């Protein structure tokens, strides 16, 4: 496995790959790799000649009240995990190189960034968009692979790619879940035993709303109530939001018809989780 830390070296290496006529698949991560990440890498390996995975914990997407300092870091373990995917390129830029102290330019995908998670995490998606743009410019991928669990993020990146005329194909990969439905996430490592037991309430809430739609419920207000009530059954869960949205615009739906994005965010203890599901209403 080749590890690159220098921005200049990564750019030069990507150029050489392109000059050979090979395609580049890119998987951006913040490390602490889990089965969800590995499914992205597997998809990239199947589709592309060369796969590059980045590990960079992006300070721009954390607010002062969030968990940047305690965000899990285990590069040694991550590198061991990646060995089974050789040949692969690991890009681990430093914060001082990717975000020099005098850097002031940002990328903001307006509209989409203000909805759902953007309401309670102002500036979060601006941070995501800024760093992903930098990584695109350095790596110049042909394909980028993103997980559907971070649905809003991948919609924003798709919009960024379209609006900035990047010649990149964005591939969304299905959310992978643990035995009880909890979506794989690096933040799952935060949980104590009680919190881990409570965490699947988000997925159960999505299933409850899906069941209601399949049973004929078509009132968005009633579905909001059903979802909020279901999260509330878990005493240590604190709701951030529940939403029923158009999956392409993230606008709240006024009628339950066609594809509907069910979305939920909640704090389990001190850990904020998100989950989502797209259902089809006839």
C-alpha atoms as a PDB file:
ATOM      1  CA  UNK A   1       0.000   0.000   0.000  1.00  0.00           C
ATOM      2  CA  UNK A   2       1.357   3.381  -0.988  1.00  0.00           C
ATOM      3  CA  UNK A   3       0.837   6.183   1.536  1.00  0.00           C
ATOM      4  CA  UNK A   4       1.181   9.792   0.426  1.00  0.00           C
ATOM      5  CA  UNK A   5       1.122  12.789   2.756  1.00  0.00           C
ATOM      6  CA  UNK A   6       2.369  15.582   0.477  1.00  0.00           C
ATOM      7  CA  UNK A   7      -0.183  17.545  -1.560  1.00  0.00           C
ATOM      8  CA  UNK A   8       2.351  18.053  -4.350  1.00  0.00           C
ATOM      9  CA  UNK A   9       3.289  14.368  -4.479  1.00  0.00           C
ATOM     10  CA  UNK A  10      -0.367  13.326  -4.535  1.00  0.00           C
ATOM     11  CA  UNK A  11      -1.094  15.713  -7.398  1.00  0.00           C
ATOM     12  CA  UNK A  12       1.914  14.486  -9.375  1.00  0.00           C
ATOM     13  CA  UNK A  13       1.056  10.844  -8.760  1.00  0.00           C
ATOM     14  CA  UNK A  14      -2.535  11.381  -9.904  1.00  0.00           C
ATOM     15  CA  UNK A  15      -1.268  13.055 -13.061  1.00  0.00           C
ATOM     16  CA  UNK A  16       0.908  10.040 -13.848  1.00  0.00           C
ATOM     17  CA  UNK A  17      -2.094   7.719 -13.396  1.00  0.00           C
ATOM     18  CA  UNK A  18      -4.115   9.875 -15.792  1.00  0.00           C
ATOM     19  CA  UNK A  19      -1.268   9.955 -18.296  1.00  0.00           C
ATOM     20  CA  UNK A  20      -1.325   6.138 -18.333  1.00  0.00           C
ATOM     21  CA  UNK A  21      -4.985   6.301 -19.308  1.00  0.00           C
ATOM     22  CA  UNK A  22      -6.150   4.762 -16.020  1.00  0.00           C
ATOM     23  CA  UNK A  23      -9.274   5.786 -14.108  1.00  0.00           C
ATOM     24  CA  UNK A  24      -9.131   7.027 -10.503  1.00  0.00           C
ATOM     25  CA  UNK A  25     -11.738   6.093  -7.915  1.00  0.00           C
ATOM     26  CA  UNK A  26     -11.756   8.253  -4.777  1.00  0.00           C
ATOM     27  CA  UNK A  27     -13.160   7.441  -1.328  1.00  0.00           C
ATOM     28  CA  UNK A  28     -12.956  10.424   1.091  1.00  0.00           C
ATOM     29  CA  UNK A  29     -13.062   9.526   4.806  1.00  0.00           C
ATOM     30  CA  UNK A  30     -12.188  10.847   8.251  1.00  0.00           C
ATOM     31  CA  UNK A  31     -10.711   7.501   9.268  1.00  0.00           C
ATOM     32  CA  UNK A  32     -11.687   4.990  11.950  1.00  0.00           C
ATOM     33  CA  UNK A  33     -12.680   2.768   9.071  1.00  0.00           C
ATOM     34  CA  UNK A  34     -15.678   0.470   9.427  1.00  0.00           C
ATOM     35  CA  UNK A  35     -17.695  -1.876   7.208  1.00  0.00           C
ATOM     36  CA  UNK A  36     -19.481   1.031   5.563  1.00  0.00           C
ATOM     37  CA  UNK A  37     -16.193   2.540   4.407  1.00  0.00           C
ATOM     38  CA  UNK A  38     -14.997  -0.834   3.202  1.00  0.00           C
ATOM     39  CA  UNK A  39     -18.093  -1.237   1.036  1.00  0.00           C
ATOM     40  CA  UNK A  40     -17.195   2.068  -0.667  1.00  0.00           C
ATOM     41  CA  UNK A  41     -13.660   0.883  -1.314  1.00  0.00           C
ATOM     42  CA  UNK A  42     -14.950  -2.436  -2.641  1.00  0.00           C
ATOM     43  CA  UNK A  43     -17.268  -0.615  -5.053  1.00  0.00           C
ATOM     44  CA  UNK A  44     -14.396   1.610  -6.181  1.00  0.00           C
ATOM     45  CA  UNK A  45     -12.083  -1.367  -6.744  1.00  0.00           C
ATOM     46  CA  UNK A  46     -14.679  -3.006  -8.974  1.00  0.00           C
ATOM     47  CA  UNK A  47     -15.170   0.080 -11.129  1.00  0.00           C
ATOM     48  CA  UNK A  48     -11.805   1.848 -11.303  1.00  0.00           C
ATOM     49  CA  UNK A  49      -8.198   1.082 -12.263  1.00  0.00           C
ATOM     50  CA  UNK A  50      -6.689   2.870  -9.257  1.00  0.00           C
ATOM     51  CA  UNK A  51      -8.358   3.594  -5.906  1.00  0.00           C
ATOM     52  CA  UNK A  52      -7.321   6.441  -3.611  1.00  0.00           C
ATOM     53  CA  UNK A  53      -8.729   6.714  -0.089  1.00  0.00           C
ATOM     54  CA  UNK A  54      -8.142   9.853   1.935  1.00  0.00           C
ATOM     55  CA  UNK A  55      -8.110  10.106   5.712  1.00  0.00           C
ATOM     56  CA  UNK A  56      -8.456  13.676   6.929  1.00  0.00           C
ATOM     57  CA  UNK A  57     -10.356  14.801  10.013  1.00  0.00           C
ATOM     58  CA  UNK A  58     -11.784  18.050   8.741  1.00  0.00           C
ATOM     59  CA  UNK A  59     -11.858  20.758  11.435  1.00  0.00           C
ATOM     60  CA  UNK A  60     -14.014  23.018   9.250  1.00  0.00           C
ATOM     61  CA  UNK A  61     -17.051  20.760   9.668  1.00  0.00           C
ATOM     62  CA  UNK A  62     -16.990  20.846  13.476  1.00  0.00           C
ATOM     63  CA  UNK A  63     -18.474  23.654  15.544  1.00  0.00           C
ATOM     64  CA  UNK A  64     -16.910  24.776  18.822  1.00  0.00           C
ATOM     65  CA  UNK A  65     -19.426  22.659  20.739  1.00  0.00           C
ATOM     66  CA  UNK A  66     -18.756  19.483  18.749  1.00  0.00           C
ATOM     67  CA  UNK A  67     -16.367  16.605  19.182  1.00  0.00           C
ATOM     68  CA  UNK A  68     -13.270  17.428  17.083  1.00  0.00           C
ATOM     69  CA  UNK A  69     -10.777  16.758  19.880  1.00  0.00           C
ATOM     70  CA  UNK A  70     -12.320  13.449  20.868  1.00  0.00           C
ATOM     71  CA  UNK A  71     -13.129  12.292  17.338  1.00  0.00           C
ATOM     72  CA  UNK A  72     -11.703   8.744  17.102  1.00  0.00           C
ATOM     73  CA  UNK A  73      -8.294   8.420  15.477  1.00  0.00           C
ATOM     74  CA  UNK A  74      -6.456   5.164  14.784  1.00  0.00           C
ATOM     75  CA  UNK A  75      -4.323   5.432  11.666  1.00  0.00           C
ATOM     76  CA  UNK A  76      -2.321   2.307  12.459  1.00  0.00           C
ATOM     77  CA  UNK A  77      -5.481   0.208  12.647  1.00  0.00           C
ATOM     78  CA  UNK A  78      -6.864   1.843   9.504  1.00  0.00           C
ATOM     79  CA  UNK A  79      -3.702   1.000   7.568  1.00  0.00           C
ATOM     80  CA  UNK A  80      -3.919  -2.619   8.696  1.00  0.00           C
ATOM     81  CA  UNK A  81      -7.549  -2.724   7.569  1.00  0.00           C
ATOM     82  CA  UNK A  82      -6.616  -1.409   4.141  1.00  0.00           C
ATOM     83  CA  UNK A  83      -3.970  -4.076   3.513  1.00  0.00           C
ATOM     84  CA  UNK A  84      -6.613  -6.480   2.240  1.00  0.00           C
ATOM     85  CA  UNK A  85      -7.429  -3.981  -0.539  1.00  0.00           C
ATOM     86  CA  UNK A  86      -3.885  -3.720  -1.927  1.00  0.00           C
ATOM     87  CA  UNK A  87      -2.983  -2.261  -4.310  1.00  0.00           C
ATOM     88  CA  UNK A  88      -4.479   0.967  -2.990  1.00  0.00           C
ATOM     89  CA  UNK A  89      -3.245   4.507  -2.351  1.00  0.00           C
ATOM     90  CA  UNK A  90      -3.763   6.121   1.059  1.00  0.00           C
ATOM     91  CA  UNK A  91      -3.672   9.930   1.112  1.00  0.00           C
ATOM     92  CA  UNK A  92      -3.195  11.449   4.569  1.00  0.00           C
ATOM     93  CA  UNK A  93      -2.586  15.192   4.195  1.00  0.00           C
ATOM     94  CA  UNK A  94      -1.767  17.251   7.261  1.00  0.00           C
ATOM     95  CA  UNK A  95      -4.020  20.029   8.504  1.00  0.00           C
ATOM     96  CA  UNK A  96      -1.290  22.646   8.131  1.00  0.00           C
ATOM     97  CA  UNK A  97      -0.842  21.743   4.449  1.00  0.00           C
ATOM     98  CA  UNK A  98      -4.493  21.398   3.479  1.00  0.00           C
ATOM     99  CA  UNK A  99      -5.613  24.336   5.632  1.00  0.00           C
ATOM    100  CA  UNK A 100      -2.765  26.850   5.920  1.00  0.00           C
ATOM    101  CA  UNK A 101      -3.308  29.499   8.579  1.00  0.00           C
ATOM    102  CA  UNK A 102      -3.916  32.288   6.046  1.00  0.00           C
ATOM    103  CA  UNK A 103      -6.486  30.324   4.013  1.00  0.00           C
ATOM    104  CA  UNK A 104      -9.743  32.244   3.620  1.00  0.00           C
ATOM    105  CA  UNK A 105     -11.435  30.871   0.496  1.00  0.00           C
ATOM    106  CA  UNK A 106     -14.484  28.651   1.101  1.00  0.00           C
ATOM    107  CA  UNK A 107     -17.034  26.746  -0.970  1.00  0.00           C
ATOM    108  CA  UNK A 108     -20.683  26.981   0.001  1.00  0.00           C
ATOM    109  CA  UNK A 109     -23.459  25.047  -1.739  1.00  0.00           C
ATOM    110  CA  UNK A 110     -26.351  27.345  -0.911  1.00  0.00           C
ATOM    111  CA  UNK A 111     -29.867  26.123  -0.258  1.00  0.00           C
ATOM    112  CA  UNK A 112     -29.166  22.442   0.257  1.00  0.00           C
ATOM    113  CA  UNK A 113     -26.704  23.241   3.047  1.00  0.00           C
ATOM    114  CA  UNK A 114     -29.329  25.051   5.127  1.00  0.00           C
ATOM    115  CA  UNK A 115     -31.777  22.148   5.398  1.00  0.00           C
ATOM    116  CA  UNK A 116     -32.001  19.137   7.754  1.00  0.00           C
ATOM    117  CA  UNK A 117     -28.592  18.908   9.481  1.00  0.00           C
ATOM    118  CA  UNK A 118     -27.690  22.377   8.259  1.00  0.00           C
ATOM    119  CA  UNK A 119     -30.258  23.943  10.594  1.00  0.00           C
ATOM    120  CA  UNK A 120     -28.559  22.695  13.752  1.00  0.00           C
ATOM    121  CA  UNK A 121     -25.005  22.606  12.355  1.00  0.00           C
ATOM    122  CA  UNK A 122     -24.479  25.990  10.661  1.00  0.00           C
ATOM    123  CA  UNK A 123     -21.311  26.030   8.585  1.00  0.00           C
ATOM    124  CA  UNK A 124     -20.937  22.243   8.656  1.00  0.00           C
ATOM    125  CA  UNK A 125     -21.568  21.655   4.974  1.00  0.00           C
ATOM    126  CA  UNK A 126     -19.517  24.691   3.980  1.00  0.00           C
ATOM    127  CA  UNK A 127     -16.624  22.933   5.704  1.00  0.00           C
ATOM    128  CA  UNK A 128     -17.390  19.671   3.913  1.00  0.00           C
ATOM    129  CA  UNK A 129     -17.692  21.369   0.503  1.00  0.00           C
ATOM    130  CA  UNK A 130     -14.473  23.364   0.969  1.00  0.00           C
ATOM    131  CA  UNK A 131     -12.343  20.333   1.807  1.00  0.00           C
ATOM    132  CA  UNK A 132     -13.891  18.017  -0.790  1.00  0.00           C
ATOM    133  CA  UNK A 133     -13.226  20.684  -3.436  1.00  0.00           C
ATOM    134  CA  UNK A 134      -9.579  20.866  -2.376  1.00  0.00           C
ATOM    135  CA  UNK A 135      -9.299  17.078  -2.496  1.00  0.00           C
ATOM    136  CA  UNK A 136     -10.916  16.955  -5.953  1.00  0.00           C
ATOM    137  CA  UNK A 137      -8.416  19.533  -7.221  1.00  0.00           C
ATOM    138  CA  UNK A 138      -5.453  17.562  -5.863  1.00  0.00           C
ATOM    139  CA  UNK A 139      -6.562  14.027  -6.765  1.00  0.00           C
ATOM    140  CA  UNK A 140      -8.589  14.734  -9.921  1.00  0.00           C
ATOM    141  CA  UNK A 141     -10.718  11.589  -9.614  1.00  0.00           C
ATOM    142  CA  UNK A 142     -12.945  10.182 -12.318  1.00  0.00           C
ATOM    143  CA  UNK A 143     -15.302   8.652  -9.758  1.00  0.00           C
ATOM    144  CA  UNK A 144     -16.082   9.414  -6.122  1.00  0.00           C
ATOM    145  CA  UNK A 145     -17.867   6.932  -3.870  1.00  0.00           C
ATOM    146  CA  UNK A 146     -20.132   8.126  -1.038  1.00  0.00           C
ATOM    147  CA  UNK A 147     -22.386   6.364   1.462  1.00  0.00           C
ATOM    148  CA  UNK A 148     -26.142   6.902   1.452  1.00  0.00           C
ATOM    149  CA  UNK A 149     -26.156   7.197   5.255  1.00  0.00           C
ATOM    150  CA  UNK A 150     -24.832  10.735   4.838  1.00  0.00           C
ATOM    151  CA  UNK A 151     -27.620  11.440   2.361  1.00  0.00           C
ATOM    152  CA  UNK A 152     -27.588  15.221   2.591  1.00  0.00           C
ATOM    153  CA  UNK A 153     -23.827  15.317   2.211  1.00  0.00           C
ATOM    154  CA  UNK A 154     -23.827  13.222  -0.940  1.00  0.00           C
ATOM    155  CA  UNK A 155     -26.645  15.318  -2.462  1.00  0.00           C
ATOM    156  CA  UNK A 156     -24.589  18.456  -1.742  1.00  0.00           C
ATOM    157  CA  UNK A 157     -21.455  16.940  -3.296  1.00  0.00           C
ATOM    158  CA  UNK A 158     -23.424  15.910  -6.386  1.00  0.00           C
ATOM    159  CA  UNK A 159     -24.644  19.501  -6.720  1.00  0.00           C
ATOM    160  CA  UNK A 160     -21.104  20.824  -6.222  1.00  0.00           C
ATOM    161  CA  UNK A 161     -19.770  18.500  -8.945  1.00  0.00           C
ATOM    162  CA  UNK A 162     -22.486  19.631 -11.366  1.00  0.00           C
ATOM    163  CA  UNK A 163     -22.264  23.360 -10.652  1.00  0.00           C
ATOM    164  CA  UNK A 164     -18.451  23.537 -10.731  1.00  0.00           C
ATOM    165  CA  UNK A 165     -18.265  21.422 -13.899  1.00  0.00           C
ATOM    166  CA  UNK A 166     -16.132  18.646 -12.463  1.00  0.00           C
ATOM    167  CA  UNK A 167     -15.868  15.657 -14.769  1.00  0.00           C
ATOM    168  CA  UNK A 168     -16.548  13.292 -11.868  1.00  0.00           C
ATOM    169  CA  UNK A 169     -19.158  10.572 -11.561  1.00  0.00           C
ATOM    170  CA  UNK A 170     -20.632  10.366  -8.053  1.00  0.00           C
ATOM    171  CA  UNK A 171     -21.648   6.865  -6.984  1.00  0.00           C
ATOM    172  CA  UNK A 172     -23.880   6.390  -3.937  1.00  0.00           C
ATOM    173  CA  UNK A 173     -23.431   3.131  -2.043  1.00  0.00           C
ATOM    174  CA  UNK A 174     -26.156   1.588   0.092  1.00  0.00           C
ATOM    175  CA  UNK A 175     -25.973   2.049   3.870  1.00  0.00           C
ATOM    176  CA  UNK A 176     -24.537  -0.936   5.719  1.00  0.00           C
ATOM    177  CA  UNK A 177     -25.998  -1.795   9.105  1.00  0.00           C
ATOM    178  CA  UNK A 178     -25.098  -3.790  12.169  1.00  0.00           C
ATOM    179  CA  UNK A 179     -27.137  -6.803  13.288  1.00  0.00           C
ATOM    180  CA  UNK A 180     -29.822  -4.650  14.924  1.00  0.00           C
ATOM    181  CA  UNK A 181     -30.138  -2.058  12.157  1.00  0.00           C
ATOM    182  CA  UNK A 182     -27.777   0.577  13.518  1.00  0.00           C
ATOM    183  CA  UNK A 183     -25.936   2.159  10.596  1.00  0.00           C
ATOM    184  CA  UNK A 184     -22.175   1.764  10.748  1.00  0.00           C
ATOM    185  CA  UNK A 185     -20.529   4.996  11.878  1.00  0.00           C
ATOM    186  CA  UNK A 186     -17.188   5.987  13.352  1.00  0.00           C
ATOM    187  CA  UNK A 187     -19.103   7.676  16.169  1.00  0.00           C
ATOM    188  CA  UNK A 188     -20.556   4.337  17.261  1.00  0.00           C
ATOM    189  CA  UNK A 189     -17.279   3.850  19.132  1.00  0.00           C
ATOM    190  CA  UNK A 190     -18.407   6.523  21.608  1.00  0.00           C
ATOM    191  CA  UNK A 191     -21.270   4.498  23.038  1.00  0.00           C
ATOM    192  CA  UNK A 192     -21.391   2.869  26.431  1.00  0.00           C
ATOM    193  CA  UNK A 193     -23.482  -0.286  26.773  1.00  0.00           C
ATOM    194  CA  UNK A 194     -26.733   1.550  27.556  1.00  0.00           C
ATOM    195  CA  UNK A 195     -26.311   3.997  24.675  1.00  0.00           C
ATOM    196  CA  UNK A 196     -25.427   1.264  22.204  1.00  0.00           C
ATOM    197  CA  UNK A 197     -28.612  -0.564  23.130  1.00  0.00           C
ATOM    198  CA  UNK A 198     -30.641   2.615  22.544  1.00  0.00           C
ATOM    199  CA  UNK A 199     -28.993   3.690  19.281  1.00  0.00           C
ATOM    200  CA  UNK A 200     -31.081   1.525  16.871  1.00  0.00           C
ATOM    201  CA  UNK A 201     -34.131   3.645  17.736  1.00  0.00           C
ATOM    202  CA  UNK A 202     -33.341   5.809  14.698  1.00  0.00           C
ATOM    203  CA  UNK A 203     -33.592   2.894  12.276  1.00  0.00           C
ATOM    204  CA  UNK A 204     -36.686   1.564  14.045  1.00  0.00           C
ATOM    205  CA  UNK A 205     -38.279   5.001  13.639  1.00  0.00           C
ATOM    206  CA  UNK A 206     -37.644   4.921   9.887  1.00  0.00           C
ATOM    207  CA  UNK A 207     -39.157   1.458   9.668  1.00  0.00           C
ATOM    208  CA  UNK A 208     -42.208   2.620  11.627  1.00  0.00           C
ATOM    209  CA  UNK A 209     -42.767   5.517   9.208  1.00  0.00           C
ATOM    210  CA  UNK A 210     -42.236   3.218   6.228  1.00  0.00           C
ATOM    211  CA  UNK A 211     -44.848   0.821   7.598  1.00  0.00           C
ATOM    212  CA  UNK A 212     -47.311   3.685   8.054  1.00  0.00           C
ATOM    213  CA  UNK A 213     -46.823   4.841   4.457  1.00  0.00           C
ATOM    214  CA  UNK A 214     -47.220   1.300   3.141  1.00  0.00           C
ATOM    215  CA  UNK A 215     -50.424   1.023   5.185  1.00  0.00           C
ATOM    216  CA  UNK A 216     -51.821   4.073   3.413  1.00  0.00           C
ATOM    217  CA  UNK A 217     -50.886   7.050   5.632  1.00  0.00           C
ATOM    218  CA  UNK A 218     -50.583  10.141   3.414  1.00  0.00           C
ATOM    219  CA  UNK A 219     -50.643  13.041   5.880  1.00  0.00           C
ATOM    220  CA  UNK A 220     -47.100  14.488   6.341  1.00  0.00           C
ATOM    221  CA  UNK A 221     -48.055  16.023   9.690  1.00  0.00           C
ATOM    222  CA  UNK A 222     -49.283  12.686  10.973  1.00  0.00           C
ATOM    223  CA  UNK A 223     -46.097  10.979   9.768  1.00  0.00           C
ATOM    224  CA  UNK A 224     -43.963  13.610  11.504  1.00  0.00           C
ATOM    225  CA  UNK A 225     -45.860  12.900  14.700  1.00  0.00           C
ATOM    226  CA  UNK A 226     -45.436   9.138  14.305  1.00  0.00           C
ATOM    227  CA  UNK A 227     -41.678   9.507  13.846  1.00  0.00           C
ATOM    228  CA  UNK A 228     -41.195  11.946  16.714  1.00  0.00           C
ATOM    229  CA  UNK A 229     -43.318   9.808  19.006  1.00  0.00           C
ATOM    230  CA  UNK A 230     -41.326   6.696  18.130  1.00  0.00           C
ATOM    231  CA  UNK A 231     -37.955   8.343  18.858  1.00  0.00           C
ATOM    232  CA  UNK A 232     -39.447   9.571  22.118  1.00  0.00           C
ATOM    233  CA  UNK A 233     -39.997   6.007  23.264  1.00  0.00           C
ATOM    234  CA  UNK A 234     -36.282   5.802  23.957  1.00  0.00           C
ATOM    235  CA  UNK A 235     -35.668   7.768  27.196  1.00  0.00           C
ATOM    236  CA  UNK A 236     -32.057   8.742  26.452  1.00  0.00           C
ATOM    237  CA  UNK A 237     -32.722   9.846  22.858  1.00  0.00           C
ATOM    238  CA  UNK A 238     -33.029  13.593  22.263  1.00  0.00           C
ATOM    239  CA  UNK A 239     -34.528  14.498  18.884  1.00  0.00           C
ATOM    240  CA  UNK A 240     -32.735  16.979  16.642  1.00  0.00           C
ATOM    241  CA  UNK A 241     -35.187  16.593  13.755  1.00  0.00           C
ATOM    242  CA  UNK A 242     -37.412  14.225  11.849  1.00  0.00           C
ATOM    243  CA  UNK A 243     -38.119  14.973   8.216  1.00  0.00           C
ATOM    244  CA  UNK A 244     -40.041  13.882   5.141  1.00  0.00           C
ATOM    245  CA  UNK A 245     -38.339  15.380   2.128  1.00  0.00           C
ATOM    246  CA  UNK A 246     -37.974  15.322  -1.612  1.00  0.00           C
ATOM    247  CA  UNK A 247     -34.779  13.249  -2.048  1.00  0.00           C
ATOM    248  CA  UNK A 248     -33.456  15.483  -4.843  1.00  0.00           C
ATOM    249  CA  UNK A 249     -34.105  18.929  -3.305  1.00  0.00           C
ATOM    250  CA  UNK A 250     -34.444  18.103   0.418  1.00  0.00           C
ATOM    251  CA  UNK A 251     -37.554  20.298   0.516  1.00  0.00           C
ATOM    252  CA  UNK A 252     -40.266  19.229   2.938  1.00  0.00           C
ATOM    253  CA  UNK A 253     -42.965  17.327   1.082  1.00  0.00           C
ATOM    254  CA  UNK A 254     -46.564  18.498   1.169  1.00  0.00           C
ATOM    255  CA  UNK A 255     -47.959  15.310  -0.301  1.00  0.00           C
ATOM    256  CA  UNK A 256     -46.837  11.726   0.232  1.00  0.00           C
ATOM    257  CA  UNK A 257     -46.359  10.469  -3.304  1.00  0.00           C
ATOM    258  CA  UNK A 258     -43.454   8.963  -5.229  1.00  0.00           C
ATOM    259  CA  UNK A 259     -40.016   8.777  -3.628  1.00  0.00           C
ATOM    260  CA  UNK A 260     -39.848  10.238  -0.118  1.00  0.00           C
ATOM    261  CA  UNK A 261     -36.727  10.698   1.999  1.00  0.00           C
ATOM    262  CA  UNK A 262     -37.371   9.805   5.626  1.00  0.00           C
ATOM    263  CA  UNK A 263     -34.681  11.424   7.767  1.00  0.00           C
ATOM    264  CA  UNK A 264     -33.982  11.506  11.482  1.00  0.00           C
ATOM    265  CA  UNK A 265     -31.271  12.947  13.704  1.00  0.00           C
ATOM    266  CA  UNK A 266     -30.998  12.522  17.459  1.00  0.00           C
ATOM    267  CA  UNK A 267     -28.520  12.613  20.294  1.00  0.00           C
ATOM    268  CA  UNK A 268     -27.944   9.347  22.110  1.00  0.00           C
ATOM    269  CA  UNK A 269     -26.174  10.463  25.243  1.00  0.00           C
ATOM    270  CA  UNK A 270     -23.566  12.922  23.982  1.00  0.00           C
ATOM    271  CA  UNK A 271     -23.376  11.368  20.512  1.00  0.00           C
ATOM    272  CA  UNK A 272     -25.298  12.781  17.569  1.00  0.00           C
ATOM    273  CA  UNK A 273     -26.534  10.207  15.050  1.00  0.00           C
ATOM    274  CA  UNK A 274     -28.313  10.521  11.716  1.00  0.00           C
ATOM    275  CA  UNK A 275     -30.152   7.986   9.615  1.00  0.00           C
ATOM    276  CA  UNK A 276     -32.381   7.982   6.568  1.00  0.00           C
ATOM    277  CA  UNK A 277     -34.357   5.854   4.181  1.00  0.00           C
ATOM    278  CA  UNK A 278     -35.942   6.497   0.782  1.00  0.00           C
ATOM    279  CA  UNK A 279     -39.394   4.923   0.432  1.00  0.00           C
ATOM    280  CA  UNK A 280     -41.799   4.925  -2.488  1.00  0.00           C
ATOM    281  CA  UNK A 281     -45.426   5.891  -1.978  1.00  0.00           C
ATOM    282  CA  UNK A 282     -47.808   4.865  -4.730  1.00  0.00           C
END
